[in-house]
PDB file of N, CA and C in Angstrom:
ATOM      1  N   MET A   1     119.529 103.479  86.458  1.00  0.00           N
ATOM      2  CA  MET A   1     118.822 103.128  87.687  1.00  0.00           C
ATOM      3  C   MET A   1     118.589 101.617  87.694  1.00  0.00           C
ATOM      4  N   CYS A   2     118.751 101.028  88.852  1.00  0.00           N
ATOM      5  CA  CYS A   2     118.528  99.606  89.042  1.00  0.00           C
ATOM      6  C   CYS A   2     117.321  99.426  89.984  1.00  0.00           C
ATOM      7  N   GLU A   3     116.734  98.268  89.927  1.00  0.00           N
ATOM      8  CA  GLU A   3     115.615  97.965  90.786  1.00  0.00           C
ATOM      9  C   GLU A   3     116.069  97.133  91.993  1.00  0.00           C
ATOM     10  N   TYR A   4     115.392  97.368  93.098  1.00  0.00           N
ATOM     11  CA  TYR A   4     115.676  96.683  94.349  1.00  0.00           C
ATOM     12  C   TYR A   4     114.369  96.313  95.034  1.00  0.00           C
ATOM     13  N   LEU A   5     114.472  95.401  95.944  1.00  0.00           N
ATOM     14  CA  LEU A   5     113.330  95.032  96.786  1.00  0.00           C
ATOM     15  C   LEU A   5     113.844  94.937  98.226  1.00  0.00           C
ATOM     16  N   TYR A   6     113.098  95.538  99.132  1.00  0.00           N
ATOM     17  CA  TYR A   6     113.385  95.187 100.521  1.00  0.00           C
ATOM     18  C   TYR A   6     112.146  94.599 101.152  1.00  0.00           C
ATOM     19  N   LYS A   7     112.398  93.509 101.835  1.00  0.00           N
ATOM     20  CA  LYS A   7     111.363  92.752 102.524  1.00  0.00           C
ATOM     21  C   LYS A   7     111.448  93.149 103.992  1.00  0.00           C
ATOM     22  N   ILE A   8     110.314  93.508 104.574  1.00  0.00           N
ATOM     23  CA  ILE A   8     110.317  93.902 105.962  1.00  0.00           C
ATOM     24  C   ILE A   8     109.430  92.982 106.790  1.00  0.00           C
ATOM     25  N   HIS A   9     109.904  92.729 107.982  1.00  0.00           N
ATOM     26  CA  HIS A   9     109.207  91.878 108.966  1.00  0.00           C
ATOM     27  C   HIS A   9     109.074  92.662 110.271  1.00  0.00           C
ATOM     28  N   PRO A  10     107.962  92.562 110.947  1.00  0.00           N
ATOM     29  CA  PRO A  10     107.856  93.176 112.270  1.00  0.00           C
ATOM     30  C   PRO A  10     108.849  92.512 113.236  1.00  0.00           C
ATOM     31  N   THR A  11     109.451  93.291 114.093  1.00  0.00           N
ATOM     32  CA  THR A  11     110.373  92.723 115.082  1.00  0.00           C
ATOM     33  C   THR A  11     109.601  92.196 116.297  1.00  0.00           C
ATOM     34  N   ARG A  12     108.388  92.661 116.486  1.00  0.00           N
ATOM     35  CA  ARG A  12     107.536  92.163 117.552  1.00  0.00           C
ATOM     36  C   ARG A  12     106.312  91.513 116.912  1.00  0.00           C
ATOM     37  N   SER A  13     106.206  90.212 116.992  1.00  0.00           N
ATOM     38  CA  SER A  13     105.131  89.509 116.297  1.00  0.00           C
ATOM     39  C   SER A  13     103.731  89.948 116.731  1.00  0.00           C
ATOM     40  N   GLY A  14     103.594  90.338 117.973  1.00  0.00           N
ATOM     41  CA  GLY A  14     102.278  90.768 118.451  1.00  0.00           C
ATOM     42  C   GLY A  14     101.806  92.072 117.853  1.00  0.00           C
ATOM     43  N   MET A  15     102.679  92.800 117.209  1.00  0.00           N
ATOM     44  CA  MET A  15     102.270  94.084 116.629  1.00  0.00           C
ATOM     45  C   MET A  15     101.129  93.900 115.648  1.00  0.00           C
ATOM     46  N   LEU A  16     101.114  92.801 114.908  1.00  0.00           N
ATOM     47  CA  LEU A  16     100.040  92.564 113.940  1.00  0.00           C
ATOM     48  C   LEU A  16      98.854  91.825 114.539  1.00  0.00           C
ATOM     49  N   SER A  17      99.103  90.879 115.428  1.00  0.00           N
ATOM     50  CA  SER A  17      98.002  90.077 115.970  1.00  0.00           C
ATOM     51  C   SER A  17      97.283  90.813 117.104  1.00  0.00           C
ATOM     52  N   GLU A  18      98.033  91.537 117.916  1.00  0.00           N
ATOM     53  CA  GLU A  18      97.447  92.233 119.082  1.00  0.00           C
ATOM     54  C   GLU A  18      97.247  93.714 118.795  1.00  0.00           C
ATOM     55  N   GLY A  19      97.951  94.233 117.809  1.00  0.00           N
ATOM     56  CA  GLY A  19      97.905  95.639 117.505  1.00  0.00           C
ATOM     57  C   GLY A  19      99.166  96.344 117.946  1.00  0.00           C
ATOM     58  N   PRO A  20      99.472  97.450 117.291  1.00  0.00           N
ATOM     59  CA  PRO A  20     100.691  98.181 117.639  1.00  0.00           C
ATOM     60  C   PRO A  20     100.525  98.956 118.942  1.00  0.00           C
ATOM     61  N   THR A  21     101.641  99.157 119.621  1.00  0.00           N
ATOM     62  CA  THR A  21     101.648 100.059 120.764  1.00  0.00           C
ATOM     63  C   THR A  21     101.508 101.472 120.226  1.00  0.00           C
ATOM     64  N   PRO A  22     101.197 102.454 121.066  1.00  0.00           N
ATOM     65  CA  PRO A  22     101.125 103.826 120.575  1.00  0.00           C
ATOM     66  C   PRO A  22     102.433 104.282 119.915  1.00  0.00           C
ATOM     67  N   GLU A  23     103.587 103.871 120.472  1.00  0.00           N
ATOM     68  CA  GLU A  23     104.868 104.239 119.851  1.00  0.00           C
ATOM     69  C   GLU A  23     105.035 103.581 118.485  1.00  0.00           C
ATOM     70  N   GLU A  24     104.675 102.301 118.408  1.00  0.00           N
ATOM     71  CA  GLU A  24     104.770 101.604 117.104  1.00  0.00           C
ATOM     72  C   GLU A  24     103.836 102.232 116.078  1.00  0.00           C
ATOM     73  N   ALA A  25     102.619 102.593 116.513  1.00  0.00           N
ATOM     74  CA  ALA A  25     101.659 103.215 115.607  1.00  0.00           C
ATOM     75  C   ALA A  25     102.210 104.518 115.033  1.00  0.00           C
ATOM     76  N   ALA A  26     102.852 105.318 115.869  1.00  0.00           N
ATOM     77  CA  ALA A  26     103.446 106.582 115.392  1.00  0.00           C
ATOM     78  C   ALA A  26     104.563 106.300 114.382  1.00  0.00           C
ATOM     79  N   ILE A  27     105.381 105.309 114.671  1.00  0.00           N
ATOM     80  CA  ILE A  27     106.467 104.975 113.759  1.00  0.00           C
ATOM     81  C   ILE A  27     105.936 104.407 112.453  1.00  0.00           C
ATOM     82  N   LEU A  28     104.875 103.600 112.514  1.00  0.00           N
ATOM     83  CA  LEU A  28     104.282 103.059 111.289  1.00  0.00           C
ATOM     84  C   LEU A  28     103.676 104.161 110.432  1.00  0.00           C
ATOM     85  N   SER A  29     103.144 105.191 111.073  1.00  0.00           N
ATOM     86  CA  SER A  29     102.642 106.344 110.320  1.00  0.00           C
ATOM     87  C   SER A  29     103.779 107.063 109.609  1.00  0.00           C
ATOM     88  N   GLN A  30     104.907 107.215 110.273  1.00  0.00           N
ATOM     89  CA  GLN A  30     106.115 107.804 109.632  1.00  0.00           C
ATOM     90  C   GLN A  30     106.607 106.941 108.485  1.00  0.00           C
ATOM     91  N   HIS A  31     106.566 105.620 108.679  1.00  0.00           N
ATOM     92  CA  HIS A  31     106.945 104.648 107.628  1.00  0.00           C
ATOM     93  C   HIS A  31     106.075 104.853 106.397  1.00  0.00           C
ATOM     94  N   PHE A  32     104.765 104.956 106.587  1.00  0.00           N
ATOM     95  CA  PHE A  32     103.838 105.143 105.466  1.00  0.00           C
ATOM     96  C   PHE A  32     104.114 106.461 104.775  1.00  0.00           C
ATOM     97  N   ASP A  33     104.317 107.528 105.548  1.00  0.00           N
ATOM     98  CA  ASP A  33     104.619 108.847 104.970  1.00  0.00           C
ATOM     99  C   ASP A  33     105.930 108.824 104.173  1.00  0.00           C
ATOM    100  N   TYR A  34     106.930 108.153 104.692  1.00  0.00           N
ATOM    101  CA  TYR A  34     108.240 108.012 104.001  1.00  0.00           C
ATOM    102  C   TYR A  34     108.038 107.343 102.655  1.00  0.00           C
ATOM    103  N   LEU A  35     107.323 106.218 102.645  1.00  0.00           N
ATOM    104  CA  LEU A  35     107.115 105.509 101.386  1.00  0.00           C
ATOM    105  C   LEU A  35     106.252 106.319 100.427  1.00  0.00           C
ATOM    106  N   SER A  36     105.277 107.048 100.953  1.00  0.00           N
ATOM    107  CA  SER A  36     104.431 107.901 100.104  1.00  0.00           C
ATOM    108  C   SER A  36     105.257 108.987  99.414  1.00  0.00           C
ATOM    109  N   ARG A  37     106.181 109.585 100.162  1.00  0.00           N
ATOM    110  CA  ARG A  37     107.057 110.601  99.541  1.00  0.00           C
ATOM    111  C   ARG A  37     107.919 109.974  98.450  1.00  0.00           C
ATOM    112  N   LEU A  38     108.405 108.765  98.675  1.00  0.00           N
ATOM    113  CA  LEU A  38     109.228 108.083  97.669  1.00  0.00           C
ATOM    114  C   LEU A  38     108.405 107.685  96.452  1.00  0.00           C
ATOM    115  N   VAL A  39     107.121 107.399  96.624  1.00  0.00           N
ATOM    116  CA  VAL A  39     106.231 107.167  95.485  1.00  0.00           C
ATOM    117  C   VAL A  39     106.110 108.452  94.685  1.00  0.00           C
ATOM    118  N   ASP A  40     105.875 109.581  95.388  1.00  0.00           N
ATOM    119  CA  ASP A  40     105.730 110.877  94.707  1.00  0.00           C
ATOM    120  C   ASP A  40     106.988 111.256  93.941  1.00  0.00           C
ATOM    121  N   GLN A  41     108.160 110.799  94.414  1.00  0.00           N
ATOM    122  CA  GLN A  41     109.439 111.088  93.744  1.00  0.00           C
ATOM    123  C   GLN A  41     109.780 110.035  92.689  1.00  0.00           C
ATOM    124  N   ALA A  42     108.868 109.121  92.414  1.00  0.00           N
ATOM    125  CA  ALA A  42     109.062 108.057  91.433  1.00  0.00           C
ATOM    126  C   ALA A  42     110.227 107.130  91.789  1.00  0.00           C
ATOM    127  N   VAL A  43     110.520 106.984  93.079  1.00  0.00           N
ATOM    128  CA  VAL A  43     111.530 106.055  93.569  1.00  0.00           C
ATOM    129  C   VAL A  43     110.874 104.698  93.832  1.00  0.00           C
ATOM    130  N   VAL A  44     109.805 104.712  94.635  1.00  0.00           N
ATOM    131  CA  VAL A  44     109.100 103.481  94.945  1.00  0.00           C
ATOM    132  C   VAL A  44     108.118 103.153  93.813  1.00  0.00           C
ATOM    133  N   VAL A  45     108.202 101.903  93.374  1.00  0.00           N
ATOM    134  CA  VAL A  45     107.293 101.395  92.336  1.00  0.00           C
ATOM    135  C   VAL A  45     106.064 100.768  92.980  1.00  0.00           C
ATOM    136  N   LEU A  46     106.277 100.048  94.080  1.00  0.00           N
ATOM    137  CA  LEU A  46     105.198  99.306  94.721  1.00  0.00           C
ATOM    138  C   LEU A  46     105.575  99.074  96.173  1.00  0.00           C
ATOM    139  N   ALA A  47     104.585  99.168  97.049  1.00  0.00           N
ATOM    140  CA  ALA A  47     104.799  98.840  98.448  1.00  0.00           C
ATOM    141  C   ALA A  47     103.517  98.213  98.976  1.00  0.00           C
ATOM    142  N   GLY A  48     103.662  97.193  99.789  1.00  0.00           N
ATOM    143  CA  GLY A  48     102.490  96.537 100.359  1.00  0.00           C
ATOM    144  C   GLY A  48     102.893  95.453 101.322  1.00  0.00           C
ATOM    145  N   ARG A  49     101.880  94.816 101.908  1.00  0.00           N
ATOM    146  CA  ARG A  49     102.156  93.766 102.898  1.00  0.00           C
ATOM    147  C   ARG A  49     101.155  92.635 102.764  1.00  0.00           C
ATOM    148  N   THR A  50     101.523  91.518 103.315  1.00  0.00           N
ATOM    149  CA  THR A  50     100.623  90.392 103.377  1.00  0.00           C
ATOM    150  C   THR A  50      99.519  90.724 104.386  1.00  0.00           C
ATOM    151  N   LEU A  51      98.396  90.054 104.263  1.00  0.00           N
ATOM    152  CA  LEU A  51      97.296  90.294 105.187  1.00  0.00           C
ATOM    153  C   LEU A  51      97.283  89.280 106.337  1.00  0.00           C
ATOM    154  N   THR A  52      98.303  88.466 106.407  1.00  0.00           N
ATOM    155  CA  THR A  52      98.419  87.535 107.520  1.00  0.00           C
ATOM    156  C   THR A  52      98.876  88.290 108.773  1.00  0.00           C
ATOM    157  N   THR A  53      98.539  87.768 109.917  1.00  0.00           N
ATOM    158  CA  THR A  53      98.922  88.430 111.168  1.00  0.00           C
ATOM    159  C   THR A  53      99.756  87.518 112.063  1.00  0.00           C
ATOM    160  N   ASP A  54     100.415  86.520 111.458  1.00  0.00           N
ATOM    161  CA  ASP A  54     101.247  85.632 112.229  1.00  0.00           C
ATOM    162  C   ASP A  54     102.719  85.856 111.850  1.00  0.00           C
ATOM    163  N   ASP A  55     103.582  84.939 112.256  1.00  0.00           N
ATOM    164  CA  ASP A  55     105.009  85.091 112.025  1.00  0.00           C
ATOM    165  C   ASP A  55     105.406  85.068 110.536  1.00  0.00           C
ATOM    166  N   ARG A  56     104.495  84.617 109.674  1.00  0.00           N
ATOM    167  CA  ARG A  56     104.781  84.587 108.230  1.00  0.00           C
ATOM    168  C   ARG A  56     104.567  85.935 107.566  1.00  0.00           C
ATOM    169  N   SER A  57     103.992  86.891 108.245  1.00  0.00           N
ATOM    170  CA  SER A  57     103.654  88.174 107.667  1.00  0.00           C
ATOM    171  C   SER A  57     104.901  88.958 107.262  1.00  0.00           C
ATOM    172  N   PHE A  58     104.809  89.653 106.146  1.00  0.00           N
ATOM    173  CA  PHE A  58     105.898  90.506 105.682  1.00  0.00           C
ATOM    174  C   PHE A  58     105.393  91.557 104.734  1.00  0.00           C
ATOM    175  N   GLY A  59     106.178  92.555 104.526  1.00  0.00           N
ATOM    176  CA  GLY A  59     105.881  93.596 103.530  1.00  0.00           C
ATOM    177  C   GLY A  59     107.009  93.639 102.521  1.00  0.00           C
ATOM    178  N   ILE A  60     106.711  94.214 101.361  1.00  0.00           N
ATOM    179  CA  ILE A  60     107.749  94.421 100.372  1.00  0.00           C
ATOM    180  C   ILE A  60     107.675  95.864  99.838  1.00  0.00           C
ATOM    181  N   VAL A  61     108.846  96.342  99.485  1.00  0.00           N
ATOM    182  CA  VAL A  61     108.956  97.632  98.828  1.00  0.00           C
ATOM    183  C   VAL A  61     109.828  97.409  97.594  1.00  0.00           C
ATOM    184  N   ILE A  62     109.301  97.657  96.420  1.00  0.00           N
ATOM    185  CA  ILE A  62     110.080  97.569  95.183  1.00  0.00           C
ATOM    186  C   ILE A  62     110.366  99.008  94.768  1.00  0.00           C
ATOM    187  N   PHE A  63     111.647  99.283  94.535  1.00  0.00           N
ATOM    188  CA  PHE A  63     112.037 100.662  94.251  1.00  0.00           C
ATOM    189  C   PHE A  63     113.232 100.710  93.326  1.00  0.00           C
ATOM    190  N   ARG A  64     113.551 101.915  92.875  1.00  0.00           N
ATOM    191  CA  ARG A  64     114.685 102.140  91.985  1.00  0.00           C
ATOM    192  C   ARG A  64     115.730 102.981  92.700  1.00  0.00           C
ATOM    193  N   ALA A  65     116.995 102.640  92.445  1.00  0.00           N
ATOM    194  CA  ALA A  65     118.110 103.411  93.028  1.00  0.00           C
ATOM    195  C   ALA A  65     119.282 103.359  92.060  1.00  0.00           C
ATOM    196  N   GLY A  66     120.165 104.332  92.179  1.00  0.00           N
ATOM    197  CA  GLY A  66     121.304 104.446  91.272  1.00  0.00           C
ATOM    198  C   GLY A  66     122.453 103.511  91.601  1.00  0.00           C
ATOM    199  N   SER A  67     122.498 102.989  92.815  1.00  0.00           N
ATOM    200  CA  SER A  67     123.614 102.132  93.219  1.00  0.00           C
ATOM    201  C   SER A  67     123.179 101.292  94.408  1.00  0.00           C
ATOM    202  N   ASP A  68     123.987 100.275  94.716  1.00  0.00           N
ATOM    203  CA  ASP A  68     123.716  99.464  95.894  1.00  0.00           C
ATOM    204  C   ASP A  68     123.725 100.325  97.151  1.00  0.00           C
ATOM    205  N   GLU A  69     124.668 101.263  97.208  1.00  0.00           N
ATOM    206  CA  GLU A  69     124.743 102.156  98.375  1.00  0.00           C
ATOM    207  C   GLU A  69     123.488 102.994  98.513  1.00  0.00           C
ATOM    208  N   ASP A  70     122.988 103.542  97.388  1.00  0.00           N
ATOM    209  CA  ASP A  70     121.738 104.320  97.442  1.00  0.00           C
ATOM    210  C   ASP A  70     120.582 103.440  97.882  1.00  0.00           C
ATOM    211  N   ALA A  71     120.563 102.192  97.413  1.00  0.00           N
ATOM    212  CA  ALA A  71     119.501 101.271  97.798  1.00  0.00           C
ATOM    213  C   ALA A  71     119.524 101.002  99.301  1.00  0.00           C
ATOM    214  N   ARG A  72     120.715 100.756  99.829  1.00  0.00           N
ATOM    215  CA  ARG A  72     120.848 100.535 101.269  1.00  0.00           C
ATOM    216  C   ARG A  72     120.351 101.742 102.059  1.00  0.00           C
ATOM    217  N   HIS A  73     120.667 102.921 101.533  1.00  0.00           N
ATOM    218  CA  HIS A  73     120.224 104.164 102.170  1.00  0.00           C
ATOM    219  C   HIS A  73     118.697 104.227 102.245  1.00  0.00           C
ATOM    220  N   VAL A  74     118.026 103.874 101.153  1.00  0.00           N
ATOM    221  CA  VAL A  74     116.557 103.910 101.140  1.00  0.00           C
ATOM    222  C   VAL A  74     116.000 102.959 102.193  1.00  0.00           C
ATOM    223  N   ALA A  75     116.476 101.715 102.219  1.00  0.00           N
ATOM    224  CA  ALA A  75     115.949 100.724 103.167  1.00  0.00           C
ATOM    225  C   ALA A  75     116.303 101.092 104.607  1.00  0.00           C
ATOM    226  N   GLU A  76     117.535 101.485 104.846  1.00  0.00           N
ATOM    227  CA  GLU A  76     117.979 101.775 106.220  1.00  0.00           C
ATOM    228  C   GLU A  76     117.340 103.052 106.779  1.00  0.00           C
ATOM    229  N   ASN A  77     116.896 103.946 105.926  1.00  0.00           N
ATOM    230  CA  ASN A  77     116.292 105.200 106.380  1.00  0.00           C
ATOM    231  C   ASN A  77     114.776 105.138 106.487  1.00  0.00           C
ATOM    232  N   ASP A  78     114.207 103.975 106.214  1.00  0.00           N
ATOM    233  CA  ASP A  78     112.800 103.778 106.470  1.00  0.00           C
ATOM    234  C   ASP A  78     112.601 103.942 107.988  1.00  0.00           C
ATOM    235  N   PRO A  79     111.723 104.837 108.419  1.00  0.00           N
ATOM    236  CA  PRO A  79     111.576 105.078 109.863  1.00  0.00           C
ATOM    237  C   PRO A  79     111.281 103.812 110.667  1.00  0.00           C
ATOM    238  N   ALA A  80     110.541 102.858 110.123  1.00  0.00           N
ATOM    239  CA  ALA A  80     110.251 101.627 110.855  1.00  0.00           C
ATOM    240  C   ALA A  80     111.502 100.776 111.039  1.00  0.00           C
ATOM    241  N   VAL A  81     112.392 100.830 110.072  1.00  0.00           N
ATOM    242  CA  VAL A  81     113.648 100.082 110.151  1.00  0.00           C
ATOM    243  C   VAL A  81     114.600 100.811 111.123  1.00  0.00           C
ATOM    244  N   LYS A  82     114.710 102.122 110.968  1.00  0.00           N
ATOM    245  CA  LYS A  82     115.588 102.893 111.838  1.00  0.00           C
ATOM    246  C   LYS A  82     115.203 102.754 113.306  1.00  0.00           C
ATOM    247  N   ALA A  83     113.912 102.695 113.576  1.00  0.00           N
ATOM    248  CA  ALA A  83     113.436 102.615 114.951  1.00  0.00           C
ATOM    249  C   ALA A  83     113.421 101.189 115.505  1.00  0.00           C
ATOM    250  N   GLY A  84     113.714 100.220 114.649  1.00  0.00           N
ATOM    251  CA  GLY A  84     113.733  98.832 115.088  1.00  0.00           C
ATOM    252  C   GLY A  84     112.379  98.167 115.175  1.00  0.00           C
ATOM    253  N   VAL A  85     111.342  98.805 114.630  1.00  0.00           N
ATOM    254  CA  VAL A  85     110.010  98.215 114.622  1.00  0.00           C
ATOM    255  C   VAL A  85     109.922  97.121 113.537  1.00  0.00           C
ATOM    256  N   MET A  86     110.702  97.321 112.466  1.00  0.00           N
ATOM    257  CA  MET A  86     110.764  96.347 111.378  1.00  0.00           C
ATOM    258  C   MET A  86     112.241  96.051 111.126  1.00  0.00           C
ATOM    259  N   ARG A  87     112.506  94.846 110.617  1.00  0.00           N
ATOM    260  CA  ARG A  87     113.845  94.516 110.133  1.00  0.00           C
ATOM    261  C   ARG A  87     113.718  94.341 108.633  1.00  0.00           C
ATOM    262  N   ALA A  88     114.739  94.783 107.934  1.00  0.00           N
ATOM    263  CA  ALA A  88     114.697  94.783 106.463  1.00  0.00           C
ATOM    264  C   ALA A  88     115.748  93.858 105.872  1.00  0.00           C
ATOM    265  N   GLU A  89     115.386  93.220 104.791  1.00  0.00           N
ATOM    266  CA  GLU A  89     116.312  92.415 103.982  1.00  0.00           C
ATOM    267  C   GLU A  89     116.296  93.019 102.588  1.00  0.00           C
ATOM    268  N   LEU A  90     117.437  93.446 102.092  1.00  0.00           N
ATOM    269  CA  LEU A  90     117.548  94.117 100.805  1.00  0.00           C
ATOM    270  C   LEU A  90     118.046  93.148  99.741  1.00  0.00           C
ATOM    271  N   TYR A  91     117.422  93.219  98.551  1.00  0.00           N
ATOM    272  CA  TYR A  91     117.787  92.362  97.441  1.00  0.00           C
ATOM    273  C   TYR A  91     117.857  93.175  96.142  1.00  0.00           C
ATOM    274  N   PRO A  92     118.848  92.907  95.282  1.00  0.00           N
ATOM    275  CA  PRO A  92     118.745  93.429  93.929  1.00  0.00           C
ATOM    276  C   PRO A  92     117.537  92.732  93.286  1.00  0.00           C
ATOM    277  N   TYR A  93     116.834  93.414  92.421  1.00  0.00           N
ATOM    278  CA  TYR A  93     115.595  92.911  91.892  1.00  0.00           C
ATOM    279  C   TYR A  93     115.427  93.358  90.449  1.00  0.00           C
ATOM    280  N   ARG A  94     114.699  92.595  89.689  1.00  0.00           N
ATOM    281  CA  ARG A  94     114.409  93.000  88.308  1.00  0.00           C
ATOM    282  C   ARG A  94     112.917  92.766  88.048  1.00  0.00           C
ATOM    283  N   ILE A  95     112.213  93.831  87.684  1.00  0.00           N
ATOM    284  CA  ILE A  95     110.814  93.711  87.294  1.00  0.00           C
ATOM    285  C   ILE A  95     110.803  93.126  85.882  1.00  0.00           C
ATOM    286  N   ALA A  96     110.153  91.984  85.723  1.00  0.00           N
ATOM    287  CA  ALA A  96     110.089  91.336  84.406  1.00  0.00           C
ATOM    288  C   ALA A  96     108.804  91.729  83.677  1.00  0.00           C
ATOM    289  N   LEU A  97     107.702  91.812  84.384  1.00  0.00           N
ATOM    290  CA  LEU A  97     106.409  92.162  83.803  1.00  0.00           C
ATOM    291  C   LEU A  97     105.716  93.123  84.736  1.00  0.00           C
ATOM    292  N   ILE A  98     104.992  94.077  84.143  1.00  0.00           N
ATOM    293  CA  ILE A  98     104.222  95.017  84.980  1.00  0.00           C
ATOM    294  C   ILE A  98     102.995  95.398  84.200  1.00  0.00           C
ATOM    295  N   SER A  99     101.873  95.455  84.897  1.00  0.00           N
ATOM    296  CA  SER A  99     100.623  95.855  84.287  1.00  0.00           C
ATOM    297  C   SER A  99     100.607  97.385  84.116  1.00  0.00           C
ATOM    298  N   ARG A 100     100.076  97.812  83.043  1.00  0.00           N
ATOM    299  CA  ARG A 100      99.968  99.254  82.776  1.00  0.00           C
ATOM    300  C   ARG A 100      98.548  99.757  83.045  1.00  0.00           C
ATOM    301  N   THR A 101      97.706  98.913  83.675  1.00  0.00           N
ATOM    302  CA  THR A 101      96.347  99.347  83.951  1.00  0.00           C
ATOM    303  C   THR A 101      96.159  99.728  85.378  1.00  0.00           C
TER     304      THR A 101
END
């Protein structure tokens, strides 16, 4: 298994500063559920986002996959990415240090 990171950005900047539309809110709920299931399956190591609400805001998902193709599948099947609410950038990644607490 290899580690990967996908960085996600909202496609509509106002989603964070003004709030999501009802459709975006539903998709973000699906996004959270998707990542939660991947945490339960020990695929996702960490997921989170910056607390900024401007154009610099982004989220990251660090996860493990068996191949580049599997990694693309994880990122592309994120409901927020599939619906176009977020755009994703996928990177091979290596965790160098991790806290065990």
